[in-house]
Structure formats: structure tokens, C-alpha cells
N, C-alpha and C. Protein backbone atom coordinates (compact mmCIF):
# COMPACT_ATOMS: atom_id res chain seq x y z
N CYS A 1 -7.68 -47.66 -13.23
CA CYS A 1 -8.51 -47.49 -12.07
C CYS A 1 -7.91 -48.19 -10.85
N LYS A 2 -7.27 -49.31 -11.04
CA LYS A 2 -6.68 -50.04 -9.92
C LYS A 2 -5.56 -49.23 -9.28
N ARG A 3 -4.77 -48.54 -10.11
CA ARG A 3 -3.67 -47.73 -9.57
C ARG A 3 -4.21 -46.57 -8.77
N ARG A 4 -5.27 -45.93 -9.26
CA ARG A 4 -5.86 -44.81 -8.53
C ARG A 4 -6.48 -45.28 -7.22
N CYS A 5 -7.15 -46.43 -7.25
CA CYS A 5 -7.77 -46.96 -6.04
C CYS A 5 -6.68 -47.31 -5.01
N LYS A 6 -5.60 -47.92 -5.47
CA LYS A 6 -4.49 -48.26 -4.57
C LYS A 6 -3.88 -46.99 -3.99
N ALA A 7 -3.70 -45.96 -4.82
CA ALA A 7 -3.14 -44.70 -4.34
C ALA A 7 -4.07 -44.06 -3.31
N LEU A 8 -5.37 -44.11 -3.55
CA LEU A 8 -6.33 -43.54 -2.61
C LEU A 8 -6.28 -44.30 -1.28
N MET A 9 -6.20 -45.61 -1.33
CA MET A 9 -6.14 -46.39 -0.09
C MET A 9 -4.83 -46.12 0.66
N ASN A 10 -3.74 -45.92 -0.09
CA ASN A 10 -2.48 -45.56 0.55
C ASN A 10 -2.57 -44.19 1.22
N LEU A 11 -3.22 -43.25 0.56
CA LEU A 11 -3.44 -41.92 1.15
C LEU A 11 -4.30 -42.03 2.41
N MET A 12 -5.30 -42.89 2.35
CA MET A 12 -6.16 -43.08 3.52
C MET A 12 -5.35 -43.61 4.69
N GLU A 13 -4.48 -44.57 4.44
CA GLU A 13 -3.62 -45.12 5.48
C GLU A 13 -2.67 -44.06 6.03
N LEU A 14 -2.10 -43.25 5.15
CA LEU A 14 -1.19 -42.19 5.56
C LEU A 14 -1.92 -41.17 6.44
N PHE A 15 -3.08 -40.70 5.99
CA PHE A 15 -3.82 -39.71 6.78
C PHE A 15 -4.34 -40.30 8.08
N HIS A 16 -4.64 -41.58 8.09
CA HIS A 16 -5.06 -42.23 9.33
C HIS A 16 -3.90 -42.21 10.33
N GLY A 17 -2.72 -42.52 9.86
CA GLY A 17 -1.54 -42.51 10.74
C GLY A 17 -1.22 -41.12 11.26
N ILE A 18 -1.18 -40.15 10.37
CA ILE A 18 -0.88 -38.76 10.76
C ILE A 18 -1.96 -38.23 11.71
N SER A 19 -3.20 -38.46 11.35
CA SER A 19 -4.31 -37.95 12.17
C SER A 19 -4.31 -38.60 13.55
N GLY A 20 -4.00 -39.88 13.60
CA GLY A 20 -3.95 -40.58 14.88
C GLY A 20 -2.89 -40.01 15.80
N VAL A 21 -1.72 -39.74 15.25
CA VAL A 21 -0.63 -39.17 16.05
C VAL A 21 -1.00 -37.77 16.53
N LEU A 22 -1.56 -36.95 15.64
CA LEU A 22 -1.98 -35.60 16.02
C LEU A 22 -3.07 -35.64 17.09
N TRP A 23 -4.02 -36.52 16.92
CA TRP A 23 -5.11 -36.61 17.88
C TRP A 23 -4.60 -37.04 19.26
N LYS A 24 -3.73 -38.05 19.28
CA LYS A 24 -3.17 -38.51 20.56
C LYS A 24 -2.37 -37.41 21.24
N ALA A 25 -1.62 -36.64 20.45
CA ALA A 25 -0.85 -35.53 21.02
C ALA A 25 -1.77 -34.47 21.60
N LYS A 26 -2.87 -34.20 20.91
CA LYS A 26 -3.81 -33.18 21.38
C LYS A 26 -4.52 -33.65 22.64
N VAL A 27 -4.94 -34.91 22.64
CA VAL A 27 -5.69 -35.44 23.78
C VAL A 27 -4.80 -35.55 25.00
N SER A 28 -3.60 -36.02 24.83
CA SER A 28 -2.72 -36.25 25.98
C SER A 28 -2.20 -34.94 26.57
N GLN A 29 -2.03 -33.92 25.72
CA GLN A 29 -1.48 -32.63 26.13
C GLN A 29 -0.11 -32.77 26.78
N GLN A 30 0.54 -33.92 26.58
CA GLN A 30 1.88 -34.13 27.10
C GLN A 30 2.83 -34.03 25.92
N LYS A 31 3.20 -32.82 25.58
CA LYS A 31 3.97 -32.57 24.38
C LYS A 31 5.39 -33.11 24.48
N SER A 32 5.90 -33.35 25.65
CA SER A 32 7.28 -33.82 25.77
C SER A 32 7.47 -35.15 25.05
N GLU A 33 6.51 -36.05 25.19
CA GLU A 33 6.62 -37.34 24.52
C GLU A 33 6.19 -37.23 23.06
N ALA A 34 5.10 -36.53 22.82
CA ALA A 34 4.52 -36.47 21.48
C ALA A 34 5.38 -35.68 20.51
N LEU A 35 6.09 -34.66 20.97
CA LEU A 35 6.82 -33.79 20.07
C LEU A 35 8.23 -34.27 19.76
N GLU A 36 8.53 -35.52 20.04
CA GLU A 36 9.83 -36.06 19.68
C GLU A 36 9.96 -36.24 18.17
N LEU A 37 8.87 -36.17 17.47
CA LEU A 37 8.88 -36.28 16.02
C LEU A 37 8.96 -34.88 15.42
N PRO A 38 10.01 -34.57 14.67
CA PRO A 38 10.16 -33.20 14.14
C PRO A 38 8.97 -32.72 13.31
N TRP A 39 8.39 -33.58 12.49
CA TRP A 39 7.27 -33.16 11.66
C TRP A 39 6.05 -32.83 12.52
N LEU A 40 5.87 -33.57 13.62
CA LEU A 40 4.74 -33.32 14.51
C LEU A 40 4.94 -32.00 15.24
N GLU A 41 6.15 -31.74 15.66
CA GLU A 41 6.45 -30.48 16.34
C GLU A 41 6.16 -29.30 15.40
N GLY A 42 6.54 -29.46 14.14
CA GLY A 42 6.28 -28.40 13.16
C GLY A 42 4.80 -28.16 12.98
N LEU A 43 4.02 -29.23 12.89
CA LEU A 43 2.57 -29.08 12.72
C LEU A 43 1.93 -28.43 13.94
N CYS A 44 2.38 -28.83 15.11
CA CYS A 44 1.80 -28.28 16.33
C CYS A 44 2.21 -26.83 16.54
N SER A 45 3.43 -26.49 16.17
CA SER A 45 3.89 -25.11 16.40
C SER A 45 3.27 -24.14 15.39
N GLU A 46 2.91 -24.62 14.21
CA GLU A 46 2.29 -23.73 13.22
C GLU A 46 0.82 -23.49 13.53
N GLY A 47 0.26 -24.30 14.40
CA GLY A 47 -1.07 -24.04 14.92
C GLY A 47 -2.21 -24.30 13.98
N GLU A 48 -3.18 -23.41 14.06
CA GLU A 48 -4.47 -23.60 13.42
C GLU A 48 -4.39 -23.70 11.90
N SER A 49 -3.52 -22.92 11.27
CA SER A 49 -3.49 -22.93 9.80
C SER A 49 -3.05 -24.28 9.25
N SER A 50 -2.06 -24.90 9.87
CA SER A 50 -1.62 -26.22 9.37
C SER A 50 -2.67 -27.28 9.64
N ARG A 51 -3.35 -27.18 10.80
CA ARG A 51 -4.41 -28.15 11.09
C ARG A 51 -5.58 -27.98 10.15
N THR A 52 -5.88 -26.75 9.78
CA THR A 52 -6.98 -26.49 8.85
C THR A 52 -6.69 -27.12 7.49
N VAL A 53 -5.47 -26.98 7.00
CA VAL A 53 -5.10 -27.56 5.72
C VAL A 53 -5.18 -29.08 5.78
N LEU A 54 -4.59 -29.67 6.82
CA LEU A 54 -4.64 -31.12 6.96
C LEU A 54 -6.08 -31.62 7.11
N GLY A 55 -6.88 -30.90 7.88
CA GLY A 55 -8.28 -31.30 8.05
C GLY A 55 -9.05 -31.28 6.75
N THR A 56 -8.79 -30.28 5.94
CA THR A 56 -9.45 -30.18 4.63
C THR A 56 -9.08 -31.36 3.74
N TYR A 57 -7.79 -31.65 3.67
CA TYR A 57 -7.36 -32.81 2.88
C TYR A 57 -7.95 -34.10 3.44
N ALA A 58 -7.97 -34.21 4.76
CA ALA A 58 -8.50 -35.43 5.38
C ALA A 58 -9.96 -35.64 5.01
N PHE A 59 -10.77 -34.59 5.08
CA PHE A 59 -12.18 -34.72 4.72
C PHE A 59 -12.35 -35.13 3.26
N HIS A 60 -11.53 -34.60 2.36
CA HIS A 60 -11.62 -34.98 0.95
C HIS A 60 -11.24 -36.45 0.75
N ILE A 61 -10.20 -36.88 1.42
CA ILE A 61 -9.77 -38.28 1.28
C ILE A 61 -10.81 -39.21 1.87
N VAL A 62 -11.39 -38.84 3.00
CA VAL A 62 -12.46 -39.65 3.60
C VAL A 62 -13.64 -39.75 2.63
N ALA A 63 -14.05 -38.63 2.06
CA ALA A 63 -15.18 -38.64 1.12
C ALA A 63 -14.89 -39.51 -0.09
N ALA A 64 -13.69 -39.38 -0.64
CA ALA A 64 -13.33 -40.20 -1.81
C ALA A 64 -13.29 -41.67 -1.46
N THR A 65 -12.78 -41.99 -0.29
CA THR A 65 -12.70 -43.40 0.14
C THR A 65 -14.09 -43.97 0.34
N MET A 66 -14.95 -43.21 1.00
CA MET A 66 -16.30 -43.72 1.29
C MET A 66 -17.18 -43.79 0.05
N ASN A 67 -16.81 -43.10 -1.02
CA ASN A 67 -17.57 -43.17 -2.27
C ASN A 67 -17.19 -44.36 -3.13
N ARG A 68 -16.17 -45.10 -2.73
CA ARG A 68 -15.74 -46.27 -3.48
C ARG A 68 -16.62 -47.47 -3.11
N ALA A 69 -17.12 -48.16 -4.09
CA ALA A 69 -17.95 -49.34 -3.82
C ALA A 69 -17.10 -50.52 -3.33
N ASP A 70 -15.83 -50.53 -3.72
CA ASP A 70 -14.97 -51.67 -3.40
C ASP A 70 -14.03 -51.41 -2.22
N VAL A 71 -14.37 -50.45 -1.35
CA VAL A 71 -13.51 -50.14 -0.22
C VAL A 71 -13.57 -51.28 0.80
N SER A 72 -12.42 -51.63 1.35
CA SER A 72 -12.37 -52.72 2.32
C SER A 72 -12.89 -52.23 3.67
N GLU A 73 -13.25 -53.17 4.51
CA GLU A 73 -13.77 -52.83 5.83
C GLU A 73 -12.72 -52.09 6.66
N SER A 74 -11.46 -52.49 6.53
CA SER A 74 -10.41 -51.83 7.32
C SER A 74 -10.22 -50.37 6.87
N HIS A 75 -10.31 -50.13 5.56
CA HIS A 75 -10.18 -48.76 5.07
C HIS A 75 -11.41 -47.92 5.42
N LEU A 76 -12.56 -48.55 5.44
CA LEU A 76 -13.77 -47.84 5.86
C LEU A 76 -13.67 -47.45 7.33
N THR A 77 -13.16 -48.35 8.16
CA THR A 77 -12.96 -48.05 9.58
C THR A 77 -11.97 -46.90 9.74
N MET A 78 -10.88 -46.94 8.98
CA MET A 78 -9.90 -45.84 9.04
C MET A 78 -10.55 -44.52 8.64
N ALA A 79 -11.33 -44.55 7.58
CA ALA A 79 -11.98 -43.33 7.09
C ALA A 79 -12.91 -42.75 8.16
N LEU A 80 -13.66 -43.60 8.82
CA LEU A 80 -14.57 -43.13 9.85
C LEU A 80 -13.82 -42.57 11.06
N GLU A 81 -12.71 -43.19 11.43
CA GLU A 81 -11.90 -42.67 12.53
C GLU A 81 -11.32 -41.31 12.19
N VAL A 82 -10.79 -41.18 10.98
CA VAL A 82 -10.23 -39.90 10.54
C VAL A 82 -11.32 -38.83 10.54
N PHE A 83 -12.48 -39.18 10.02
CA PHE A 83 -13.60 -38.24 10.00
C PHE A 83 -13.94 -37.80 11.42
N GLN A 84 -14.03 -38.73 12.34
CA GLN A 84 -14.36 -38.42 13.74
C GLN A 84 -13.31 -37.49 14.35
N TRP A 85 -12.03 -37.79 14.17
CA TRP A 85 -10.96 -36.98 14.76
C TRP A 85 -11.02 -35.54 14.26
N TRP A 86 -11.13 -35.39 12.92
CA TRP A 86 -11.10 -34.04 12.36
C TRP A 86 -12.39 -33.29 12.62
N LEU A 87 -13.52 -33.98 12.69
CA LEU A 87 -14.76 -33.32 13.04
C LEU A 87 -14.70 -32.81 14.47
N GLN A 88 -14.19 -33.63 15.39
CA GLN A 88 -14.04 -33.18 16.78
C GLN A 88 -13.10 -31.99 16.86
N ASP A 89 -12.02 -32.01 16.09
CA ASP A 89 -11.08 -30.90 16.08
C ASP A 89 -11.77 -29.63 15.59
N ALA A 90 -12.53 -29.74 14.50
CA ALA A 90 -13.22 -28.57 13.94
C ALA A 90 -14.28 -28.05 14.91
N LEU A 91 -15.03 -28.95 15.54
CA LEU A 91 -16.06 -28.51 16.47
C LEU A 91 -15.47 -27.87 17.71
N SER A 92 -14.38 -28.43 18.23
CA SER A 92 -13.76 -27.84 19.42
C SER A 92 -13.20 -26.45 19.10
N GLN A 93 -12.65 -26.28 17.91
CA GLN A 93 -12.15 -24.97 17.49
C GLN A 93 -13.28 -23.97 17.35
N THR A 94 -14.40 -24.40 16.80
CA THR A 94 -15.55 -23.53 16.65
C THR A 94 -16.09 -23.11 18.01
N LEU A 95 -16.15 -24.05 18.95
CA LEU A 95 -16.63 -23.72 20.29
C LEU A 95 -15.68 -22.76 21.00
N SER A 96 -14.38 -22.96 20.82
CA SER A 96 -13.38 -22.05 21.42
C SER A 96 -13.54 -20.65 20.87
N ASP A 97 -13.72 -20.56 19.56
CA ASP A 97 -13.91 -19.25 18.93
C ASP A 97 -15.17 -18.56 19.44
N SER A 98 -16.25 -19.33 19.60
CA SER A 98 -17.51 -18.77 20.09
C SER A 98 -17.37 -18.27 21.52
N GLU A 99 -16.67 -19.03 22.35
CA GLU A 99 -16.46 -18.62 23.74
C GLU A 99 -15.62 -17.35 23.80
N ALA A 100 -14.59 -17.27 22.97
CA ALA A 100 -13.75 -16.07 22.94
C ALA A 100 -14.54 -14.85 22.49
N GLU A 101 -15.39 -15.01 21.50
CA GLU A 101 -16.23 -13.91 21.04
C GLU A 101 -17.21 -13.47 22.13
N SER A 102 -17.76 -14.42 22.87
CA SER A 102 -18.70 -14.09 23.95
C SER A 102 -18.00 -13.28 25.03
N ARG A 103 -16.78 -13.70 25.38
CA ARG A 103 -16.02 -12.96 26.39
C ARG A 103 -15.71 -11.54 25.92
N GLU A 104 -15.34 -11.41 24.66
CA GLU A 104 -15.06 -10.08 24.11
C GLU A 104 -16.31 -9.19 24.15
N ASP A 105 -17.47 -9.78 23.81
CA ASP A 105 -18.72 -9.02 23.84
C ASP A 105 -19.07 -8.58 25.26
N GLU A 106 -18.83 -9.47 26.24
CA GLU A 106 -19.11 -9.14 27.63
C GLU A 106 -18.19 -8.02 28.11
N GLU A 107 -16.93 -8.04 27.69
CA GLU A 107 -15.99 -7.01 28.09
C GLU A 107 -16.35 -5.65 27.50
N LEU A 108 -16.89 -5.66 26.30
CA LEU A 108 -17.26 -4.40 25.65
C LEU A 108 -18.52 -3.79 26.29
N ASN A 109 -19.38 -4.62 26.84
CA ASN A 109 -20.64 -4.12 27.42
C ASN A 109 -20.45 -3.79 28.83
């Protein structure tokens, strides 16, 4: 159990780091600085499908972390930040899709 807990906390740290970089790149919209990392450029260029996969994994890792009774305060804080970032990403995508559908409906009428 200790090895699994340690692996989960390591995954939480990894997803916190990746999510933080992605979120900062999205918020800043200054891709020249943010895209100096090849892996980040790949994630950003692949668009919605790669973000959807990462978001799904992030939510699962957050849920698993928050279900642990022995989670440290720092890991709990990381989990909540990751949850906030990916929830905002999902909500903004949903709103964008809704606005696009509304425009299409207006054009058809």
C-alpha cells in the first residue's frame, strides 16, 4: 500500500506540474515563450483531443488523491488546483461550443 500511495502522490505532483504549465500557457496566450518546450507545443498543437485525455486522467488522479485518508496538505492543495484548472478548461470549452451552436442556429434561421 505504501508503494501505491507513493506512486499516486508522484502522479499528483506530475499532473500538477503539467497542468500548471498548460494553464499558464492558455492564460497568457503568449505562445512564443510557453511553446519553447517540445512536449507542450505538441499538446497545444493537437488541440482538444489531447486536452480531453489529459483532463480525464487529471480528474481520476484528483479523485484518487482526495479519497486517501493520509493525503498530505500539500498534495491536497495540488489536487484542488488541478481540479480547478481542468474544470475551468472543461467549462470554457462547453461555453465555446454552446456559443458556436447558437451562431449556427442564428445563421440557419
